[in-house]
Amino acid sequence: SKVKELFVFQRTPNWFFPKLDPVYPDIVKHLFRRIPLLMTIQRVTLFLMVEGWAWVWLTKGRLSQWFQILIEGNMRAQLDNQNSLTSKLIPKYNLGCKRVLLSDDFLPVF
């Protein structure tokens, strides 16, 4: 059951950063219930990681370029390196020039 045709209208493509949405084992869920502070620490840690990455790509240095290469590689992998898609869905502008979206499931739709 494949889609016959799909039309996507976009002004410019966006950068997509992998969404940090882990699946927790039952033991971790149990620990979160017993010690709620652990969940708070975990959420703050994820928040600080994303903020740190944003600082890296907004600095526009070598580390930002390396980070862009990693994110572009991840996006290409999600698009199965199909040139017809990557040329349209991978931005031509540098990472950090526009809002970076958090998603693991948008690009594989194509």
N, C-alpha and C. Protein backbone atom coordinates (compact mmCIF):
# COMPACT_ATOMS: atom_id res chain seq x y z
N SER A 1 0.85 -1.18 0.00
CA SER A 1 0.00 0.00 0.00
C SER A 1 0.89 1.24 0.00
N LYS A 2 1.34 1.64 -1.16
CA LYS A 2 2.18 2.82 -1.33
C LYS A 2 1.33 3.99 -1.79
N VAL A 3 1.81 5.17 -1.47
CA VAL A 3 1.15 6.39 -1.90
C VAL A 3 1.44 6.60 -3.37
N LYS A 4 0.42 6.88 -4.16
CA LYS A 4 0.62 7.07 -5.59
C LYS A 4 1.36 8.38 -5.85
N GLU A 5 0.93 9.46 -5.25
CA GLU A 5 1.58 10.76 -5.39
C GLU A 5 1.52 11.49 -4.05
N LEU A 6 2.56 12.27 -3.80
CA LEU A 6 2.62 13.08 -2.58
C LEU A 6 3.16 14.45 -2.96
N PHE A 7 2.43 15.48 -2.63
CA PHE A 7 2.87 16.84 -2.90
C PHE A 7 3.19 17.51 -1.57
N VAL A 8 4.38 18.07 -1.49
CA VAL A 8 4.80 18.79 -0.29
C VAL A 8 5.14 20.21 -0.70
N PHE A 9 4.52 21.16 -0.05
CA PHE A 9 4.78 22.56 -0.34
C PHE A 9 5.56 23.15 0.83
N GLN A 10 6.75 23.64 0.53
CA GLN A 10 7.57 24.25 1.57
C GLN A 10 8.30 25.44 0.97
N ARG A 11 8.51 26.45 1.80
CA ARG A 11 9.24 27.62 1.32
C ARG A 11 10.72 27.29 1.24
N THR A 12 11.28 26.84 2.32
CA THR A 12 12.66 26.38 2.35
C THR A 12 12.72 25.17 3.27
N PRO A 13 13.62 24.25 3.01
CA PRO A 13 13.72 23.07 3.89
C PRO A 13 14.29 23.45 5.26
N ASN A 14 14.01 22.64 6.24
CA ASN A 14 14.50 22.86 7.59
C ASN A 14 15.58 21.84 7.93
N TRP A 15 16.43 22.23 8.87
CA TRP A 15 17.35 21.27 9.48
C TRP A 15 16.57 20.49 10.52
N PHE A 16 16.79 19.17 10.57
CA PHE A 16 16.11 18.32 11.54
C PHE A 16 17.15 17.67 12.45
N PHE A 17 17.03 17.96 13.71
CA PHE A 17 17.90 17.37 14.72
C PHE A 17 17.18 16.15 15.30
N PRO A 18 17.90 15.04 15.51
CA PRO A 18 17.24 13.85 16.06
C PRO A 18 16.57 14.16 17.40
N LYS A 19 15.35 13.72 17.53
CA LYS A 19 14.59 13.94 18.76
C LYS A 19 15.07 12.96 19.83
N LEU A 20 15.37 13.51 20.98
CA LEU A 20 15.82 12.68 22.09
C LEU A 20 14.60 12.20 22.86
N ASP A 21 14.09 11.08 22.43
CA ASP A 21 12.87 10.54 23.01
C ASP A 21 13.11 9.08 23.38
N PRO A 22 13.89 8.86 24.45
CA PRO A 22 14.28 7.48 24.78
C PRO A 22 13.12 6.63 25.27
N VAL A 23 13.25 5.33 25.07
CA VAL A 23 12.31 4.35 25.62
C VAL A 23 12.96 3.83 26.89
N TYR A 24 12.27 4.00 28.00
CA TYR A 24 12.84 3.63 29.29
C TYR A 24 12.47 2.20 29.69
N PRO A 25 13.47 1.45 30.15
CA PRO A 25 13.17 0.11 30.67
C PRO A 25 12.32 0.20 31.93
N ASP A 26 11.65 -0.87 32.27
CA ASP A 26 10.78 -0.88 33.44
C ASP A 26 11.51 -0.50 34.72
N ILE A 27 12.76 -0.93 34.86
CA ILE A 27 13.51 -0.61 36.08
C ILE A 27 13.72 0.90 36.22
N VAL A 28 13.96 1.57 35.10
CA VAL A 28 14.15 3.03 35.13
C VAL A 28 12.83 3.71 35.47
N LYS A 29 11.73 3.23 34.89
CA LYS A 29 10.41 3.78 35.22
C LYS A 29 10.11 3.61 36.70
N HIS A 30 10.48 2.45 37.23
CA HIS A 30 10.28 2.19 38.65
C HIS A 30 11.11 3.17 39.49
N LEU A 31 12.35 3.41 39.09
CA LEU A 31 13.19 4.37 39.82
C LEU A 31 12.63 5.78 39.74
N PHE A 32 12.11 6.17 38.58
CA PHE A 32 11.50 7.49 38.44
C PHE A 32 10.30 7.64 39.37
N ARG A 33 9.51 6.56 39.52
CA ARG A 33 8.35 6.62 40.42
C ARG A 33 8.79 6.71 41.87
N ARG A 34 9.81 5.96 42.22
CA ARG A 34 10.28 5.93 43.62
C ARG A 34 11.07 7.18 44.00
N ILE A 35 11.83 7.70 43.02
CA ILE A 35 12.68 8.88 43.29
C ILE A 35 12.42 9.91 42.18
N PRO A 36 11.37 10.71 42.33
CA PRO A 36 10.99 11.67 41.28
C PRO A 36 12.11 12.65 40.91
N LEU A 37 13.00 12.92 41.83
CA LEU A 37 14.11 13.84 41.55
C LEU A 37 14.98 13.31 40.40
N LEU A 38 15.07 11.98 40.25
CA LEU A 38 15.86 11.40 39.15
C LEU A 38 15.29 11.81 37.79
N MET A 39 13.96 11.84 37.67
CA MET A 39 13.34 12.25 36.43
C MET A 39 13.64 13.72 36.14
N THR A 40 13.60 14.54 37.19
CA THR A 40 13.91 15.95 37.03
C THR A 40 15.35 16.13 36.57
N ILE A 41 16.27 15.39 37.17
CA ILE A 41 17.68 15.46 36.78
C ILE A 41 17.85 15.03 35.33
N GLN A 42 17.17 13.98 34.93
CA GLN A 42 17.26 13.49 33.56
C GLN A 42 16.72 14.53 32.57
N ARG A 43 15.61 15.14 32.89
CA ARG A 43 15.02 16.15 32.00
C ARG A 43 15.91 17.38 31.89
N VAL A 44 16.46 17.81 33.01
CA VAL A 44 17.37 18.96 33.00
C VAL A 44 18.62 18.63 32.18
N THR A 45 19.11 17.40 32.31
CA THR A 45 20.28 16.97 31.54
C THR A 45 20.00 17.01 30.04
N LEU A 46 18.86 16.47 29.61
CA LEU A 46 18.49 16.53 28.19
C LEU A 46 18.34 17.97 27.71
N PHE A 47 17.72 18.80 28.53
CA PHE A 47 17.55 20.21 28.18
C PHE A 47 18.90 20.88 27.99
N LEU A 48 19.82 20.67 28.93
CA LEU A 48 21.14 21.30 28.84
C LEU A 48 21.94 20.77 27.64
N MET A 49 21.76 19.50 27.30
CA MET A 49 22.44 18.95 26.12
C MET A 49 21.96 19.66 24.85
N VAL A 50 20.66 19.81 24.70
CA VAL A 50 20.12 20.47 23.52
C VAL A 50 20.55 21.94 23.48
N GLU A 51 20.51 22.61 24.63
CA GLU A 51 20.95 24.00 24.69
C GLU A 51 22.44 24.12 24.35
N GLY A 52 23.23 23.17 24.82
CA GLY A 52 24.66 23.16 24.51
C GLY A 52 24.91 22.97 23.03
N TRP A 53 24.15 22.05 22.41
CA TRP A 53 24.28 21.84 20.98
C TRP A 53 23.87 23.09 20.21
N ALA A 54 22.81 23.75 20.65
CA ALA A 54 22.38 24.98 19.99
C ALA A 54 23.48 26.04 20.09
N TRP A 55 24.13 26.13 21.23
CA TRP A 55 25.23 27.09 21.39
C TRP A 55 26.35 26.76 20.39
N VAL A 56 26.63 25.47 20.23
CA VAL A 56 27.68 25.04 19.30
C VAL A 56 27.35 25.48 17.88
N TRP A 57 26.13 25.19 17.40
CA TRP A 57 25.84 25.50 16.01
C TRP A 57 25.60 26.99 15.78
N LEU A 58 25.33 27.74 16.83
CA LEU A 58 25.17 29.19 16.67
C LEU A 58 26.50 29.94 16.70
N THR A 59 27.57 29.29 17.14
CA THR A 59 28.87 29.96 17.21
C THR A 59 29.53 30.08 15.83
N LYS A 60 29.11 29.27 14.88
CA LYS A 60 29.58 29.32 13.49
C LYS A 60 31.07 29.04 13.33
N GLY A 61 31.63 28.22 14.19
CA GLY A 61 33.04 27.85 14.07
C GLY A 61 33.21 26.46 13.46
N ARG A 62 34.41 25.91 13.62
CA ARG A 62 34.69 24.57 13.09
C ARG A 62 33.80 23.51 13.72
N LEU A 63 33.58 23.65 15.01
CA LEU A 63 32.72 22.69 15.70
C LEU A 63 31.30 22.74 15.14
N SER A 64 30.85 23.93 14.81
CA SER A 64 29.52 24.09 14.20
C SER A 64 29.47 23.41 12.84
N GLN A 65 30.54 23.56 12.05
CA GLN A 65 30.60 22.92 10.73
C GLN A 65 30.57 21.39 10.88
N TRP A 66 31.31 20.87 11.83
CA TRP A 66 31.35 19.44 12.07
C TRP A 66 29.97 18.94 12.49
N PHE A 67 29.32 19.71 13.35
CA PHE A 67 27.98 19.37 13.81
C PHE A 67 27.00 19.35 12.64
N GLN A 68 27.12 20.31 11.72
CA GLN A 68 26.26 20.35 10.54
C GLN A 68 26.47 19.11 9.68
N ILE A 69 27.71 18.68 9.53
CA ILE A 69 28.00 17.48 8.75
C ILE A 69 27.33 16.26 9.38
N LEU A 70 27.38 16.16 10.71
CA LEU A 70 26.73 15.04 11.40
C LEU A 70 25.21 15.06 11.20
N ILE A 71 24.61 16.23 11.36
CA ILE A 71 23.16 16.33 11.21
C ILE A 71 22.75 16.07 9.76
N GLU A 72 23.53 16.59 8.81
CA GLU A 72 23.21 16.33 7.41
C GLU A 72 23.33 14.84 7.10
N GLY A 73 24.33 14.19 7.65
CA GLY A 73 24.48 12.74 7.45
C GLY A 73 23.28 11.98 7.98
N ASN A 74 22.80 12.39 9.15
CA ASN A 74 21.62 11.75 9.73
C ASN A 74 20.39 11.97 8.85
N MET A 75 20.25 13.19 8.33
CA MET A 75 19.12 13.48 7.45
C MET A 75 19.20 12.67 6.16
N ARG A 76 20.40 12.56 5.60
CA ARG A 76 20.58 11.77 4.37
C ARG A 76 20.24 10.30 4.62
N ALA A 77 20.64 9.79 5.78
CA ALA A 77 20.34 8.40 6.12
C ALA A 77 18.83 8.19 6.22
N GLN A 78 18.12 9.16 6.80
CA GLN A 78 16.67 9.04 6.92
C GLN A 78 15.98 9.08 5.55
N LEU A 79 16.66 9.72 4.58
CA LEU A 79 16.11 9.80 3.21
C LEU A 79 16.71 8.74 2.30
N ASP A 80 17.41 7.77 2.87
CA ASP A 80 18.06 6.69 2.12
C ASP A 80 18.97 7.20 1.02
N ASN A 81 19.59 8.36 1.23
CA ASN A 81 20.52 8.97 0.27
C ASN A 81 19.95 9.08 -1.15
N GLN A 82 18.66 9.29 -1.26
CA GLN A 82 18.02 9.47 -2.57
C GLN A 82 18.25 10.91 -3.03
N ASN A 83 19.04 11.09 -4.09
CA ASN A 83 19.38 12.43 -4.55
C ASN A 83 18.17 13.29 -4.87
N SER A 84 17.13 12.69 -5.41
CA SER A 84 15.93 13.46 -5.74
C SER A 84 15.30 14.07 -4.49
N LEU A 85 15.46 13.40 -3.36
CA LEU A 85 14.90 13.92 -2.10
C LEU A 85 15.89 14.81 -1.36
N THR A 86 17.14 14.37 -1.28
CA THR A 86 18.11 15.15 -0.51
C THR A 86 18.32 16.54 -1.11
N SER A 87 18.25 16.64 -2.42
CA SER A 87 18.44 17.96 -3.04
C SER A 87 17.31 18.92 -2.69
N LYS A 88 16.14 18.38 -2.35
CA LYS A 88 14.99 19.23 -2.03
C LYS A 88 14.76 19.39 -0.53
N LEU A 89 15.20 18.41 0.27
CA LEU A 89 14.86 18.43 1.69
C LEU A 89 16.02 18.75 2.62
N ILE A 90 17.24 18.87 2.08
CA ILE A 90 18.37 19.29 2.92
C ILE A 90 18.66 20.74 2.60
N PRO A 91 18.68 21.58 3.63
CA PRO A 91 18.85 23.03 3.41
C PRO A 91 20.17 23.38 2.74
N LYS A 92 20.15 24.47 2.01
CA LYS A 92 21.35 25.02 1.38
C LYS A 92 22.03 26.03 2.30
N TYR A 93 21.33 26.48 3.33
CA TYR A 93 21.89 27.45 4.27
C TYR A 93 22.54 26.71 5.44
N ASN A 94 23.40 27.41 6.16
CA ASN A 94 24.12 26.80 7.29
C ASN A 94 23.20 26.52 8.47
N LEU A 95 23.58 25.52 9.20
CA LEU A 95 22.86 25.16 10.42
C LEU A 95 22.85 26.34 11.38
N GLY A 96 21.68 26.67 11.92
CA GLY A 96 21.56 27.75 12.89
C GLY A 96 21.05 29.05 12.30
N CYS A 97 20.96 29.15 10.95
CA CYS A 97 20.44 30.37 10.34
C CYS A 97 18.93 30.49 10.54
N LYS A 98 18.27 29.37 10.65
CA LYS A 98 16.83 29.32 10.92
C LYS A 98 16.60 28.31 12.02
N ARG A 99 15.39 28.23 12.46
CA ARG A 99 15.03 27.32 13.54
C ARG A 99 15.34 25.88 13.15
N VAL A 100 15.91 25.14 14.09
CA VAL A 100 16.20 23.72 13.90
C VAL A 100 15.06 22.93 14.52
N LEU A 101 14.51 21.98 13.78
CA LEU A 101 13.37 21.21 14.27
C LEU A 101 13.83 19.88 14.86
N LEU A 102 13.15 19.45 15.90
CA LEU A 102 13.44 18.17 16.54
C LEU A 102 12.45 17.14 16.03
N SER A 103 12.93 16.18 15.22
CA SER A 103 12.04 15.14 14.69
C SER A 103 12.84 13.98 14.15
N ASP A 104 12.34 12.78 14.41
CA ASP A 104 12.91 11.56 13.85
C ASP A 104 11.98 10.93 12.82
N ASP A 105 10.77 11.47 12.72
CA ASP A 105 9.78 10.80 11.88
C ASP A 105 9.26 11.63 10.70
N PHE A 106 9.75 12.84 10.50
CA PHE A 106 9.28 13.63 9.36
C PHE A 106 9.92 13.17 8.05
N LEU A 107 11.25 13.13 8.00
CA LEU A 107 11.94 12.79 6.75
C LEU A 107 11.66 11.38 6.25
N PRO A 108 11.58 10.37 7.14
CA PRO A 108 11.30 9.03 6.62
C PRO A 108 9.95 8.89 5.91
N VAL A 109 9.06 9.85 6.08
CA VAL A 109 7.76 9.81 5.40
C VAL A 109 7.96 9.81 3.89
N PHE A 110 9.04 10.46 3.44
CA PHE A 110 9.29 10.59 2.01
C PHE A 110 9.99 9.37 1.48
